[in-house]
Amino acid sequence: MATKVRAADTAADTRFFGHPRGLATLFFTETWERFSYYGMRAILILFMTAPTRSGGLGFSVATAGVIYGLYTSMVYLLSVPGGWVADRIFGQRRAVLYGGILIIFGQFSLGVPRVPFFYAGLVLLVLGTGLLKPNVSTIVGQLYAPGDVRRDAGFSIFYMGINLGAFIAPLAVGYVGQRVNWNLGFMLAGAGMTLGLIQYSLGSRYLGEAGLHPVPSESEEARAKLHRSAWTAAAVFALLIGAPALLQTMGAIHITAAYVGTAGGALLLVVTIGIFGWLLSSKQWSAVERARLLAILALFVASTLFWSAYEQAGSTLTLLADRSTDNRAFGFSFPSSWYQSVPAIFVIVLAPVFAYLWVRLGRRDPSTPAKFAAGLILVGLGFAVVAIGAARAVNGVRISPLWLIATYLLSVCGELCLSPVGLSAMTKLAPQRVAGLMMGVFFLSISIGDYIGGLFGSMYERFSPSELFTVVAAGTIGVGLIMALLVRPIKRLMAL
């Protein structure tokens, strides 16, 4: 029987490409979870806008864009309570397990060709991903001792696992969904998560103590109060979701996608103000911790703007690929959803290069805020490119796939400057007693970015694609330049 790895031994553990063996377990867990997520995302907006005679839902682009943006934003918003629950009640390890189970049920619910099951599946996916996503990343950080120089490189390798799943998913799920049956596509995504959860359970012995225990409660009374608060919050959430749906079914109210989208945006705003208001006003932090929280806030804003552009891969860029791009290569016609594998290909190829670069640079390695600035500028340049291409798609003309491919290349270079580095920064900057919560806060930035990206998708038919992409390019490049000017002040706040 294999001996469990102790946390103290991870510095000497180099069994997975020079990294702890537990990183392999988390690598493949995230590979299959991302297969599940990106598989369904590849066909989600296409399924919603497809006519009912072909098995779709027949939604308008405006409605589908709002639902897409709200779903993808809620997936990451639930990472905040998901991180808190793991910190205080389950521990990260069990949170990942429970989240995976909910994701499986959600994907198979989408496989049922009935509208109520579609919405139920989205809710289950939101809950499951909110539990799994922040906590698997937190466990990765716990595999490394403080000061271990392999941490950033480890997150870059972990990021390859994310994109291995993201590469395979649109090819498999996209083909089955668009060419065979939409509902079978969603069920294939659920099968992927099932494989990932089996692998996670079998490989958990290599994780040692990482993520195994929640933060100890001060007393049994405090623990009981914590559990009551969690169950109360869960009941309130269920009421907020279930009551409007029940009233809609009874005909007592009429809920539109625009109403739900507005409510979702208001919720994101309230949650963001509430979290940072509590964090920055709390007296429990030391001066160094408070300064680091301010640095996290600056990175949060930059991350939000980055993801508002990048995550349009599943909305505006997918619509451009489906409606205005020549989807043929070497005489072969391929599904438009396959473009969503392109960023993953670039990540798989370039992630080792960036991981090597960060280690090779050593003390000359650019700081976290400098990498964030570079990420914003690069994704903005990508949208400047596609804005030029989209301007050529008029009067039924279909543009070359190279416009989208060039955009994805630039966006991925920006992603590798920002995303794995951001995950690593959260594990270094966050006070240890709220490590899971702060990882959830990082995913909250993605949540808001996804929501904004969905809004751009809902406006796809109101404005020309070229106009939309020009606005995105100008905004992200502008914020990137501002971030570059703030590199030194943010570095002082980080105090690392």
Foldseek 3Di string as FASTA:
>chain_A
DDAFDALVCQLVALPDVGGFPLLVLLLQLLLLLLLLVLLCLLCQLVQQCDDVVQLGVNDDLLLSLLVQLLLQLLLLLLLQVLLVCCQQPFFLLVLQLVLLVLLLCLLLLLLDSDVVSPVVSSVSNSNSSSNNVLSSLQLLLSSDDPPRPCSLLSLLSSVLSNLNSQQVNCVVLVCCPPPPHVSVSSNVSSVSSVVSSVSNVVSVSSSHCRRRDHDDDPDPVRSVVVVVVVVVVVVVVCCVVPVVVVCVVVVVDPDGSVNVSVVSLVVLVVVLCVVLVCVQPDPPDDQLLNLLSVLLVLLLQLLLLLLLLVVLVSFLVLCLLQQAAQQDDPRDHDGSSSLSSLLSVLSNVCSNVLSCVQVVCPVPRDDLLLLSLQLLLLLLVLLLQVLVQLVVRPPNHHGYCVNSNSNSNSNSSSCSSHPSSSSSSLSLSHDPSSSSSSSSSSSSSSSSSSSSSSSLRSCPVVDRSSVSSNVSSVVSNVVSVVSNVCRVVSVVSSVD
